Amino acid sequence: MIKKFCKKYRLPEKSLSELLSYMTEIHFAKGTSIVKEGERNTNFYLLKRGIWRAYYLKDGTENSLWFAGPGDTAFSSWGYVDGEASPINIESINDSIAYRISKSDLETLFSKSIDMANFGRKIFEHEILSVDMASVAYGTPPTAKERYLALMEDNPELLQDVPLKHLASYLYITPQSLSRIRAGLKKK
């Protein structure tokens, strides 16, 4: 988890260790709601083990937005940035462990140390870049098969632990279409 985090955000392990010393380790059972639609949650999480997903409901259908695994950060941007109610849900797909810190405690930590403030800035810059990359991809969407292959390359652990219906909604396809794509790839 530490190596993945530091590689992803291009940050030193020493800084992460310092941040973790201010965070609380929390255990979540499979299916636990971390953030519920309509709730204000200003906590910042770093996953140690397990997989979380963010989704929203539209016309009674769950639409997956993102997945987070070990070494990834997770938070409701509405709650964290503006203290607003979240329009999305974040849940634990399987038993998981995360480190948690409140926004106020994190801001206090950032105000006491320029190194920690820069560390936090780099994390949030990376998250902004991820959103922009997803927006660009949405504007010129690759095929479902290309999206699935990218998912396999970037997050292979998701394919083992995330239910097919959640992966399909993340890829904007039906579970049946995803099954056909997977079957076609197995033939090759």
N, C-alpha and C. Protein backbone atom coordinates (compact mmCIF):
# COMPACT_ATOMS: atom_id res chain seq x y z
N MET A 1 0.83 -1.19 0.00
CA MET A 1 0.00 0.00 0.00
C MET A 1 0.87 1.25 0.00
N ILE A 2 1.89 1.29 0.84
CA ILE A 2 2.76 2.46 0.93
C ILE A 2 3.51 2.69 -0.38
N LYS A 3 4.07 1.62 -0.94
CA LYS A 3 4.82 1.75 -2.19
C LYS A 3 3.91 2.20 -3.33
N LYS A 4 2.70 1.62 -3.41
CA LYS A 4 1.76 2.01 -4.46
C LYS A 4 1.39 3.49 -4.33
N PHE A 5 1.09 3.92 -3.10
CA PHE A 5 0.73 5.32 -2.87
C PHE A 5 1.86 6.25 -3.29
N CYS A 6 3.07 5.95 -2.83
CA CYS A 6 4.21 6.83 -3.11
C CYS A 6 4.54 6.87 -4.60
N LYS A 7 4.37 5.75 -5.28
CA LYS A 7 4.61 5.72 -6.73
C LYS A 7 3.54 6.52 -7.45
N LYS A 8 2.28 6.30 -7.09
CA LYS A 8 1.16 6.98 -7.75
C LYS A 8 1.26 8.49 -7.61
N TYR A 9 1.56 8.97 -6.40
CA TYR A 9 1.57 10.41 -6.15
C TYR A 9 2.97 11.01 -6.23
N ARG A 10 3.96 10.15 -6.50
CA ARG A 10 5.37 10.59 -6.62
C ARG A 10 5.81 11.36 -5.37
N LEU A 11 5.61 10.70 -4.23
CA LEU A 11 5.92 11.32 -2.95
C LEU A 11 6.80 10.40 -2.12
N PRO A 12 7.62 10.99 -1.24
CA PRO A 12 8.51 10.17 -0.41
C PRO A 12 7.78 9.41 0.69
N GLU A 13 8.25 8.20 0.99
CA GLU A 13 7.65 7.38 2.04
C GLU A 13 7.69 8.07 3.39
N LYS A 14 8.73 8.85 3.63
CA LYS A 14 8.86 9.56 4.92
C LYS A 14 7.67 10.49 5.16
N SER A 15 7.25 11.20 4.13
CA SER A 15 6.11 12.11 4.27
C SER A 15 4.82 11.34 4.52
N LEU A 16 4.66 10.22 3.82
CA LEU A 16 3.46 9.41 4.04
C LEU A 16 3.44 8.86 5.46
N SER A 17 4.58 8.40 5.94
CA SER A 17 4.65 7.88 7.31
C SER A 17 4.26 8.95 8.32
N GLU A 18 4.69 10.18 8.07
CA GLU A 18 4.32 11.28 8.96
C GLU A 18 2.81 11.53 8.93
N LEU A 19 2.24 11.54 7.74
CA LEU A 19 0.79 11.74 7.62
C LEU A 19 0.03 10.62 8.34
N LEU A 20 0.46 9.38 8.14
CA LEU A 20 -0.22 8.25 8.76
C LEU A 20 -0.19 8.33 10.29
N SER A 21 0.85 8.95 10.84
CA SER A 21 0.94 9.06 12.30
C SER A 21 -0.16 9.97 12.87
N TYR A 22 -0.78 10.79 12.02
CA TYR A 22 -1.87 11.67 12.46
C TYR A 22 -3.25 11.10 12.13
N MET A 23 -3.28 9.97 11.43
CA MET A 23 -4.53 9.38 10.99
C MET A 23 -4.94 8.23 11.91
N THR A 24 -6.22 7.91 11.88
CA THR A 24 -6.77 6.81 12.68
C THR A 24 -7.09 5.65 11.75
N GLU A 25 -6.70 4.45 12.15
CA GLU A 25 -7.01 3.27 11.35
C GLU A 25 -8.43 2.82 11.67
N ILE A 26 -9.23 2.61 10.63
CA ILE A 26 -10.63 2.23 10.77
C ILE A 26 -10.87 0.97 9.94
N HIS A 27 -11.66 0.04 10.49
CA HIS A 27 -12.03 -1.18 9.78
C HIS A 27 -13.47 -1.06 9.31
N PHE A 28 -13.72 -1.49 8.06
CA PHE A 28 -15.06 -1.45 7.49
C PHE A 28 -15.44 -2.84 6.99
N ALA A 29 -16.65 -3.26 7.30
CA ALA A 29 -17.15 -4.54 6.80
C ALA A 29 -17.64 -4.36 5.37
N LYS A 30 -17.69 -5.46 4.65
CA LYS A 30 -18.21 -5.46 3.28
C LYS A 30 -19.59 -4.81 3.27
N GLY A 31 -19.80 -3.90 2.30
CA GLY A 31 -21.10 -3.25 2.15
C GLY A 31 -21.33 -2.04 3.03
N THR A 32 -20.34 -1.65 3.84
CA THR A 32 -20.50 -0.50 4.71
C THR A 32 -20.53 0.79 3.90
N SER A 33 -21.47 1.67 4.21
CA SER A 33 -21.52 3.00 3.59
C SER A 33 -20.55 3.92 4.32
N ILE A 34 -19.59 4.43 3.60
CA ILE A 34 -18.62 5.36 4.18
C ILE A 34 -19.17 6.78 4.06
N VAL A 35 -19.74 7.09 2.90
CA VAL A 35 -20.41 8.37 2.65
C VAL A 35 -21.75 8.03 2.02
N LYS A 36 -22.81 8.64 2.54
CA LYS A 36 -24.14 8.43 1.98
C LYS A 36 -24.59 9.69 1.26
N GLU A 37 -25.31 9.50 0.17
CA GLU A 37 -25.89 10.62 -0.55
C GLU A 37 -26.69 11.46 0.43
N GLY A 38 -26.49 12.79 0.39
CA GLY A 38 -27.20 13.69 1.27
C GLY A 38 -26.47 13.97 2.58
N GLU A 39 -25.37 13.26 2.82
CA GLU A 39 -24.60 13.41 4.06
C GLU A 39 -23.42 14.36 3.83
N ARG A 40 -23.05 15.07 4.88
CA ARG A 40 -21.85 15.90 4.84
C ARG A 40 -20.73 15.10 5.50
N ASN A 41 -19.71 14.78 4.73
CA ASN A 41 -18.57 14.03 5.25
C ASN A 41 -17.31 14.73 4.80
N THR A 42 -16.57 15.29 5.75
CA THR A 42 -15.36 16.05 5.40
C THR A 42 -14.09 15.24 5.65
N ASN A 43 -14.23 13.95 5.89
CA ASN A 43 -13.05 13.12 6.16
C ASN A 43 -12.27 12.81 4.89
N PHE A 44 -10.99 12.61 5.10
CA PHE A 44 -10.06 12.21 4.04
C PHE A 44 -9.57 10.82 4.41
N TYR A 45 -9.63 9.89 3.46
CA TYR A 45 -9.26 8.50 3.71
C TYR A 45 -8.12 8.06 2.82
N LEU A 46 -7.34 7.14 3.34
CA LEU A 46 -6.30 6.47 2.57
C LEU A 46 -6.51 4.97 2.80
N LEU A 47 -6.74 4.24 1.72
CA LEU A 47 -7.04 2.81 1.86
C LEU A 47 -5.77 1.99 2.07
N LYS A 48 -5.85 1.16 3.07
CA LYS A 48 -4.76 0.24 3.38
C LYS A 48 -5.05 -1.13 2.76
N ARG A 49 -6.33 -1.55 2.84
CA ARG A 49 -6.73 -2.85 2.31
C ARG A 49 -8.20 -2.77 1.89
N GLY A 50 -8.53 -3.49 0.82
CA GLY A 50 -9.91 -3.54 0.36
C GLY A 50 -10.14 -2.64 -0.84
N ILE A 51 -11.40 -2.63 -1.27
CA ILE A 51 -11.79 -1.81 -2.42
C ILE A 51 -13.07 -1.06 -2.07
N TRP A 52 -13.09 0.20 -2.41
CA TRP A 52 -14.26 1.05 -2.26
C TRP A 52 -14.74 1.49 -3.63
N ARG A 53 -16.00 1.83 -3.70
CA ARG A 53 -16.52 2.41 -4.94
C ARG A 53 -17.39 3.60 -4.61
N ALA A 54 -17.43 4.53 -5.55
CA ALA A 54 -18.33 5.67 -5.47
C ALA A 54 -19.39 5.47 -6.55
N TYR A 55 -20.63 5.77 -6.20
CA TYR A 55 -21.70 5.63 -7.18
C TYR A 55 -22.80 6.64 -6.88
N TYR A 56 -23.63 6.85 -7.89
CA TYR A 56 -24.81 7.68 -7.70
C TYR A 56 -26.01 6.92 -8.26
N LEU A 57 -27.17 7.29 -7.80
CA LEU A 57 -28.41 6.67 -8.26
C LEU A 57 -29.08 7.56 -9.30
N LYS A 58 -29.48 6.94 -10.39
CA LYS A 58 -30.26 7.67 -11.40
C LYS A 58 -31.35 6.74 -11.89
N ASP A 59 -32.58 7.18 -11.73
CA ASP A 59 -33.73 6.38 -12.11
C ASP A 59 -33.69 4.99 -11.48
N GLY A 60 -33.24 4.93 -10.22
CA GLY A 60 -33.19 3.68 -9.49
C GLY A 60 -32.02 2.77 -9.83
N THR A 61 -31.13 3.22 -10.70
CA THR A 61 -29.98 2.42 -11.12
C THR A 61 -28.71 2.99 -10.51
N GLU A 62 -27.87 2.10 -9.98
CA GLU A 62 -26.57 2.52 -9.44
C GLU A 62 -25.58 2.67 -10.59
N ASN A 63 -24.91 3.83 -10.63
CA ASN A 63 -23.92 4.12 -11.65
C ASN A 63 -22.57 4.34 -10.97
N SER A 64 -21.63 3.42 -11.19
CA SER A 64 -20.32 3.51 -10.53
C SER A 64 -19.48 4.61 -11.17
N LEU A 65 -18.86 5.43 -10.32
CA LEU A 65 -18.03 6.53 -10.78
C LEU A 65 -16.54 6.20 -10.72
N TRP A 66 -16.12 5.62 -9.60
CA TRP A 66 -14.72 5.27 -9.43
C TRP A 66 -14.58 4.17 -8.40
N PHE A 67 -13.40 3.57 -8.43
CA PHE A 67 -13.02 2.55 -7.45
C PHE A 67 -11.71 3.00 -6.83
N ALA A 68 -11.52 2.67 -5.58
CA ALA A 68 -10.27 2.96 -4.88
C ALA A 68 -9.81 1.68 -4.21
N GLY A 69 -8.52 1.42 -4.28
CA GLY A 69 -7.94 0.24 -3.66
C GLY A 69 -6.77 0.63 -2.78
N PRO A 70 -6.03 -0.35 -2.31
CA PRO A 70 -4.89 -0.06 -1.43
C PRO A 70 -3.94 0.98 -2.04
N GLY A 71 -3.62 1.99 -1.25
CA GLY A 71 -2.72 3.05 -1.71
C GLY A 71 -3.43 4.22 -2.35
N ASP A 72 -4.76 4.13 -2.49
CA ASP A 72 -5.54 5.22 -3.09
C ASP A 72 -6.18 6.07 -2.00
N THR A 73 -6.43 7.33 -2.33
CA THR A 73 -7.17 8.21 -1.44
C THR A 73 -8.65 8.16 -1.82
N ALA A 74 -9.51 8.49 -0.88
CA ALA A 74 -10.94 8.53 -1.15
C ALA A 74 -11.58 9.57 -0.24
N PHE A 75 -12.49 10.34 -0.80
CA PHE A 75 -13.22 11.34 -0.03
C PHE A 75 -14.35 11.90 -0.89
N SER A 76 -15.32 12.48 -0.24
CA SER A 76 -16.38 13.19 -0.96
C SER A 76 -15.87 14.60 -1.22
N SER A 77 -15.65 14.92 -2.48
CA SER A 77 -15.11 16.25 -2.78
C SER A 77 -16.09 17.34 -2.36
N TRP A 78 -17.38 17.07 -2.44
CA TRP A 78 -18.38 18.08 -2.03
C TRP A 78 -18.25 18.36 -0.53
N GLY A 79 -18.13 17.32 0.26
CA GLY A 79 -18.00 17.49 1.70
C GLY A 79 -16.66 18.07 2.07
N TYR A 80 -15.60 17.54 1.47
CA TYR A 80 -14.26 17.97 1.83
C TYR A 80 -14.01 19.42 1.41
N VAL A 81 -14.33 19.76 0.20
CA VAL A 81 -14.00 21.10 -0.32
C VAL A 81 -14.95 22.16 0.21
N ASP A 82 -16.26 21.89 0.15
CA ASP A 82 -17.24 22.93 0.49
C ASP A 82 -18.10 22.63 1.71
N GLY A 83 -17.92 21.49 2.35
CA GLY A 83 -18.75 21.13 3.48
C GLY A 83 -20.20 20.89 3.07
N GLU A 84 -20.42 20.57 1.80
CA GLU A 84 -21.76 20.36 1.27
C GLU A 84 -22.16 18.89 1.38
N ALA A 85 -23.45 18.65 1.25
CA ALA A 85 -23.96 17.29 1.22
C ALA A 85 -23.49 16.60 -0.06
N SER A 86 -23.16 15.35 0.04
CA SER A 86 -22.65 14.60 -1.09
C SER A 86 -23.79 14.10 -1.98
N PRO A 87 -23.64 14.26 -3.30
CA PRO A 87 -24.64 13.67 -4.21
C PRO A 87 -24.30 12.22 -4.56
N ILE A 88 -23.19 11.71 -4.02
CA ILE A 88 -22.76 10.34 -4.31
C ILE A 88 -22.68 9.52 -3.03
N ASN A 89 -22.58 8.22 -3.22
CA ASN A 89 -22.37 7.28 -2.13
C ASN A 89 -20.98 6.68 -2.29
N ILE A 90 -20.32 6.40 -1.19
CA ILE A 90 -19.06 5.67 -1.21
C ILE A 90 -19.25 4.48 -0.28
N GLU A 91 -18.96 3.28 -0.79
CA GLU A 91 -19.14 2.08 0.02
C GLU A 91 -17.95 1.16 -0.10
N SER A 92 -17.80 0.32 0.91
CA SER A 92 -16.76 -0.69 0.93
C SER A 92 -17.29 -1.93 0.21
N ILE A 93 -16.62 -2.32 -0.85
CA ILE A 93 -17.05 -3.50 -1.62
C ILE A 93 -16.71 -4.78 -0.87
N ASN A 94 -15.64 -4.76 -0.13
CA ASN A 94 -15.26 -5.93 0.67
C ASN A 94 -14.73 -5.44 2.01
N ASP A 95 -14.41 -6.36 2.91
CA ASP A 95 -13.83 -5.93 4.18
C ASP A 95 -12.61 -5.09 3.88
N SER A 96 -12.49 -3.97 4.55
CA SER A 96 -11.40 -3.06 4.23
C SER A 96 -10.87 -2.36 5.48
N ILE A 97 -9.68 -1.81 5.31
CA ILE A 97 -9.04 -1.02 6.36
C ILE A 97 -8.60 0.29 5.71
N ALA A 98 -8.89 1.38 6.36
CA ALA A 98 -8.49 2.69 5.85
C ALA A 98 -7.96 3.54 6.99
N TYR A 99 -7.17 4.52 6.61
CA TYR A 99 -6.74 5.54 7.56
C TYR A 99 -7.62 6.75 7.32
N ARG A 100 -8.04 7.40 8.41
CA ARG A 100 -8.96 8.53 8.31
C ARG A 100 -8.40 9.73 9.06
N ILE A 101 -8.64 10.91 8.48
CA ILE A 101 -8.33 12.16 9.16
C ILE A 101 -9.39 13.17 8.75
N SER A 102 -9.82 13.99 9.69
CA SER A 102 -10.83 15.01 9.37
C SER A 102 -10.16 16.14 8.60
N LYS A 103 -10.96 16.88 7.87
CA LYS A 103 -10.45 18.02 7.12
C LYS A 103 -9.79 19.03 8.06
N SER A 104 -10.42 19.30 9.19
CA SER A 104 -9.85 20.30 10.11
C SER A 104 -8.50 19.84 10.65
N ASP A 105 -8.37 18.57 10.99
CA ASP A 105 -7.08 18.07 11.47
C ASP A 105 -6.02 18.08 10.36
N LEU A 106 -6.45 17.75 9.16
CA LEU A 106 -5.51 17.77 8.03
C LEU A 106 -5.06 19.19 7.73
N GLU A 107 -5.96 20.15 7.77
CA GLU A 107 -5.58 21.54 7.52
C GLU A 107 -4.66 22.07 8.62
N THR A 108 -4.89 21.66 9.86
CA THR A 108 -4.00 22.04 10.95
C THR A 108 -2.60 21.49 10.70
N LEU A 109 -2.53 20.24 10.29
CA LEU A 109 -1.24 19.62 9.98
C LEU A 109 -0.55 20.37 8.84
N PHE A 110 -1.30 20.71 7.79
CA PHE A 110 -0.73 21.44 6.66
C PHE A 110 -0.23 22.82 7.08
N SER A 111 -0.93 23.47 8.03
CA SER A 111 -0.53 24.81 8.45
C SER A 111 0.73 24.80 9.32
N LYS A 112 1.05 23.66 9.92
CA LYS A 112 2.22 23.56 10.79
C LYS A 112 3.49 23.17 10.06
N SER A 113 3.36 22.65 8.84
CA SER A 113 4.54 22.14 8.14
C SER A 113 4.42 22.41 6.65
N ILE A 114 5.37 23.15 6.11
CA ILE A 114 5.38 23.42 4.67
C ILE A 114 5.58 22.13 3.89
N ASP A 115 6.37 21.20 4.44
CA ASP A 115 6.56 19.91 3.76
C ASP A 115 5.25 19.15 3.66
N MET A 116 4.47 19.14 4.76
CA MET A 116 3.19 18.45 4.74
C MET A 116 2.18 19.19 3.85
N ALA A 117 2.23 20.51 3.83
CA ALA A 117 1.34 21.28 2.96
C ALA A 117 1.64 20.95 1.49
N ASN A 118 2.91 20.87 1.14
CA ASN A 118 3.28 20.51 -0.23
C ASN A 118 2.89 19.08 -0.55
N PHE A 119 3.03 18.21 0.43
CA PHE A 119 2.62 16.82 0.28
C PHE A 119 1.12 16.77 -0.06
N GLY A 120 0.32 17.47 0.71
CA GLY A 120 -1.13 17.52 0.47
C GLY A 120 -1.46 18.13 -0.87
N ARG A 121 -0.76 19.20 -1.24
CA ARG A 121 -1.00 19.84 -2.53
C ARG A 121 -0.76 18.86 -3.67
N LYS A 122 0.29 18.06 -3.57
CA LYS A 122 0.59 17.09 -4.63
C LYS A 122 -0.50 16.02 -4.74
N ILE A 123 -1.02 15.60 -3.60
CA ILE A 123 -2.10 14.61 -3.62
C ILE A 123 -3.32 15.18 -4.34
N PHE A 124 -3.73 16.40 -3.98
CA PHE A 124 -4.92 16.99 -4.57
C PHE A 124 -4.69 17.37 -6.04
N GLU A 125 -3.48 17.76 -6.40
CA GLU A 125 -3.19 18.02 -7.81
C GLU A 125 -3.37 16.75 -8.63
N HIS A 126 -2.90 15.63 -8.10
CA HIS A 126 -3.06 14.36 -8.80
C HIS A 126 -4.53 14.00 -8.97
N GLU A 127 -5.34 14.24 -7.94
CA GLU A 127 -6.76 13.95 -8.04
C GLU A 127 -7.44 14.83 -9.09
N ILE A 128 -7.05 16.09 -9.17
CA ILE A 128 -7.60 16.99 -10.20
C ILE A 128 -7.22 16.48 -11.59
N LEU A 129 -5.99 16.07 -11.76
CA LEU A 129 -5.53 15.53 -13.03
C LEU A 129 -6.33 14.29 -13.41
N SER A 130 -6.62 13.43 -12.45
CA SER A 130 -7.41 12.22 -12.72
C SER A 130 -8.81 12.58 -13.23
N VAL A 131 -9.42 13.59 -12.62
CA VAL A 131 -10.75 14.02 -13.06
C VAL A 131 -10.68 14.58 -14.47
N ASP A 132 -9.67 15.39 -14.75
CA ASP A 132 -9.52 15.96 -16.09
C ASP A 132 -9.29 14.87 -17.14
N MET A 133 -8.48 13.88 -16.80
CA MET A 133 -8.22 12.78 -17.73
C MET A 133 -9.51 12.01 -18.02
N ALA A 134 -10.31 11.79 -17.00
CA ALA A 134 -11.58 11.10 -17.19
C ALA A 134 -12.53 11.94 -18.04
N SER A 135 -12.52 13.25 -17.85
CA SER A 135 -13.38 14.13 -18.63
C SER A 135 -13.00 14.12 -20.11
N VAL A 136 -11.72 14.15 -20.38
CA VAL A 136 -11.24 14.10 -21.77
C VAL A 136 -11.62 12.77 -22.40
N ALA A 137 -11.42 11.69 -21.67
CA ALA A 137 -11.78 10.37 -22.19
C ALA A 137 -13.28 10.28 -22.46
N TYR A 138 -14.08 10.93 -21.61
CA TYR A 138 -15.53 10.90 -21.80
C TYR A 138 -15.91 11.66 -23.07
N GLY A 139 -15.17 12.72 -23.39
CA GLY A 139 -15.45 13.52 -24.59
C GLY A 139 -15.16 12.75 -25.87
N THR A 140 -14.18 11.87 -25.84
CA THR A 140 -13.84 11.03 -26.99
C THR A 140 -13.72 9.60 -26.49
N PRO A 141 -14.86 9.00 -26.19
CA PRO A 141 -14.82 7.72 -25.50
C PRO A 141 -14.20 6.60 -26.33
N PRO A 142 -13.33 5.83 -25.69
CA PRO A 142 -12.84 4.62 -26.35
C PRO A 142 -13.95 3.57 -26.35
N THR A 143 -13.73 2.51 -27.06
CA THR A 143 -14.74 1.44 -27.07
C THR A 143 -14.80 0.80 -25.70
N ALA A 144 -15.88 0.06 -25.46
CA ALA A 144 -16.03 -0.64 -24.19
C ALA A 144 -14.88 -1.62 -23.98
N LYS A 145 -14.47 -2.29 -25.04
CA LYS A 145 -13.37 -3.24 -24.95
C LYS A 145 -12.08 -2.51 -24.55
N GLU A 146 -11.82 -1.34 -25.14
CA GLU A 146 -10.62 -0.56 -24.81
C GLU A 146 -10.66 -0.09 -23.35
N ARG A 147 -11.84 0.32 -22.88
CA ARG A 147 -11.97 0.74 -21.48
C ARG A 147 -11.72 -0.43 -20.54
N TYR A 148 -12.23 -1.60 -20.91
CA TYR A 148 -12.02 -2.80 -20.09
C TYR A 148 -10.54 -3.17 -20.05
N LEU A 149 -9.88 -3.13 -21.19
CA LEU A 149 -8.44 -3.46 -21.24
C LEU A 149 -7.62 -2.47 -20.41
N ALA A 150 -7.99 -1.19 -20.45
CA ALA A 150 -7.30 -0.19 -19.64
C ALA A 150 -7.52 -0.46 -18.16
N LEU A 151 -8.73 -0.85 -17.81
CA LEU A 151 -9.04 -1.18 -16.42
C LEU A 151 -8.22 -2.39 -15.97
N MET A 152 -8.10 -3.38 -16.84
CA MET A 152 -7.30 -4.58 -16.53
C MET A 152 -5.84 -4.21 -16.27
N GLU A 153 -5.34 -3.28 -17.06
CA GLU A 153 -3.94 -2.88 -16.92
C GLU A 153 -3.70 -2.02 -15.69
N ASP A 154 -4.60 -1.06 -15.45
CA ASP A 154 -4.41 -0.11 -14.35
C ASP A 154 -4.79 -0.67 -12.98
N ASN A 155 -5.84 -1.46 -12.93
CA ASN A 155 -6.37 -1.96 -11.65
C ASN A 155 -6.79 -3.42 -11.75
N PRO A 156 -5.86 -4.33 -11.96
CA PRO A 156 -6.24 -5.74 -12.12
C PRO A 156 -6.96 -6.33 -10.91
N GLU A 157 -6.70 -5.78 -9.71
CA GLU A 157 -7.35 -6.31 -8.51
C GLU A 157 -8.87 -6.10 -8.54
N LEU A 158 -9.32 -5.10 -9.28
CA LEU A 158 -10.76 -4.85 -9.36
C LEU A 158 -11.48 -6.01 -10.04
N LEU A 159 -10.82 -6.61 -11.01
CA LEU A 159 -11.47 -7.66 -11.79
C LEU A 159 -11.74 -8.90 -10.95
N GLN A 160 -11.02 -9.05 -9.86
CA GLN A 160 -11.21 -10.21 -9.00
C GLN A 160 -12.22 -9.95 -7.89
N ASP A 161 -12.28 -8.71 -7.41
CA ASP A 161 -13.05 -8.41 -6.20
C ASP A 161 -14.34 -7.63 -6.40
N VAL A 162 -14.49 -6.98 -7.55
CA VAL A 162 -15.65 -6.13 -7.77
C VAL A 162 -16.71 -6.90 -8.56
N PRO A 163 -17.96 -6.89 -8.09
CA PRO A 163 -19.02 -7.58 -8.83
C PRO A 163 -19.14 -7.06 -10.27
N LEU A 164 -19.46 -7.96 -11.16
CA LEU A 164 -19.56 -7.66 -12.59
C LEU A 164 -20.50 -6.49 -12.86
N LYS A 165 -21.62 -6.41 -12.14
CA LYS A 165 -22.58 -5.33 -12.40
C LYS A 165 -21.98 -3.96 -12.09
N HIS A 166 -21.10 -3.87 -11.08
CA HIS A 166 -20.47 -2.59 -10.75
C HIS A 166 -19.42 -2.22 -11.80
N LEU A 167 -18.65 -3.21 -12.24
CA LEU A 167 -17.67 -2.95 -13.31
C LEU A 167 -18.37 -2.50 -14.58
N ALA A 168 -19.46 -3.17 -14.92
CA ALA A 168 -20.20 -2.83 -16.14
C ALA A 168 -20.72 -1.39 -16.07
N SER A 169 -21.29 -0.99 -14.93
CA SER A 169 -21.81 0.38 -14.84
C SER A 169 -20.68 1.40 -14.92
N TYR A 170 -19.52 1.07 -14.38
CA TYR A 170 -18.35 1.95 -14.47
C TYR A 170 -17.90 2.11 -15.92
N LEU A 171 -18.03 1.03 -16.70
CA LEU A 171 -17.62 1.04 -18.10
C LEU A 171 -18.74 1.52 -19.03
N TYR A 172 -19.91 1.87 -18.47
CA TYR A 172 -21.08 2.35 -19.23
C TYR A 172 -21.61 1.29 -20.19
N ILE A 173 -21.62 0.05 -19.74
CA ILE A 173 -22.16 -1.04 -20.54
C ILE A 173 -23.00 -1.94 -19.64
N THR A 174 -23.71 -2.85 -20.25
CA THR A 174 -24.51 -3.80 -19.47
C THR A 174 -23.62 -4.95 -19.00
N PRO A 175 -24.02 -5.64 -17.95
CA PRO A 175 -23.26 -6.82 -17.52
C PRO A 175 -23.14 -7.87 -18.64
N GLN A 176 -24.17 -7.98 -19.47
CA GLN A 176 -24.13 -8.94 -20.57
C GLN A 176 -23.05 -8.56 -21.59
N SER A 177 -22.94 -7.27 -21.89
CA SER A 177 -21.90 -6.81 -22.83
C SER A 177 -20.52 -7.06 -22.25
N LEU A 178 -20.37 -6.83 -20.96
CA LEU A 178 -19.08 -7.08 -20.32
C LEU A 178 -18.74 -8.57 -20.37
N SER A 179 -19.71 -9.42 -20.15
CA SER A 179 -19.47 -10.86 -20.24
C SER A 179 -19.01 -11.25 -21.64
N ARG A 180 -19.62 -10.66 -22.67
CA ARG A 180 -19.20 -10.96 -24.05
C ARG A 180 -17.78 -10.49 -24.31
N ILE A 181 -17.42 -9.31 -23.80
CA ILE A 181 -16.06 -8.80 -23.98
C ILE A 181 -15.07 -9.74 -23.30
N ARG A 182 -15.36 -10.14 -22.08
CA ARG A 182 -14.47 -11.03 -21.34
C ARG A 182 -14.33 -12.37 -22.05
N ALA A 183 -15.43 -12.90 -22.54
CA ALA A 183 -15.39 -14.19 -23.25
C ALA A 183 -14.56 -14.08 -24.52
N GLY A 184 -14.71 -12.96 -25.24
CA GLY A 184 -13.93 -12.75 -26.46
C GLY A 184 -12.43 -12.64 -26.18
N LEU A 185 -12.09 -12.03 -25.08
CA LEU A 185 -10.67 -11.91 -24.72
C LEU A 185 -10.08 -13.25 -24.29
N LYS A 186 -10.88 -14.08 -23.64
CA LYS A 186 -10.40 -15.40 -23.21
C LYS A 186 -10.09 -16.28 -24.42
N LYS A 187 -10.86 -16.12 -25.51
CA LYS A 187 -10.63 -16.91 -26.72
C LYS A 187 -9.27 -16.60 -27.33
N LYS A 188 -8.84 -15.35 -27.17
CA LYS A 188 -7.55 -14.93 -27.75
C LYS A 188 -6.45 -15.46 -26.89
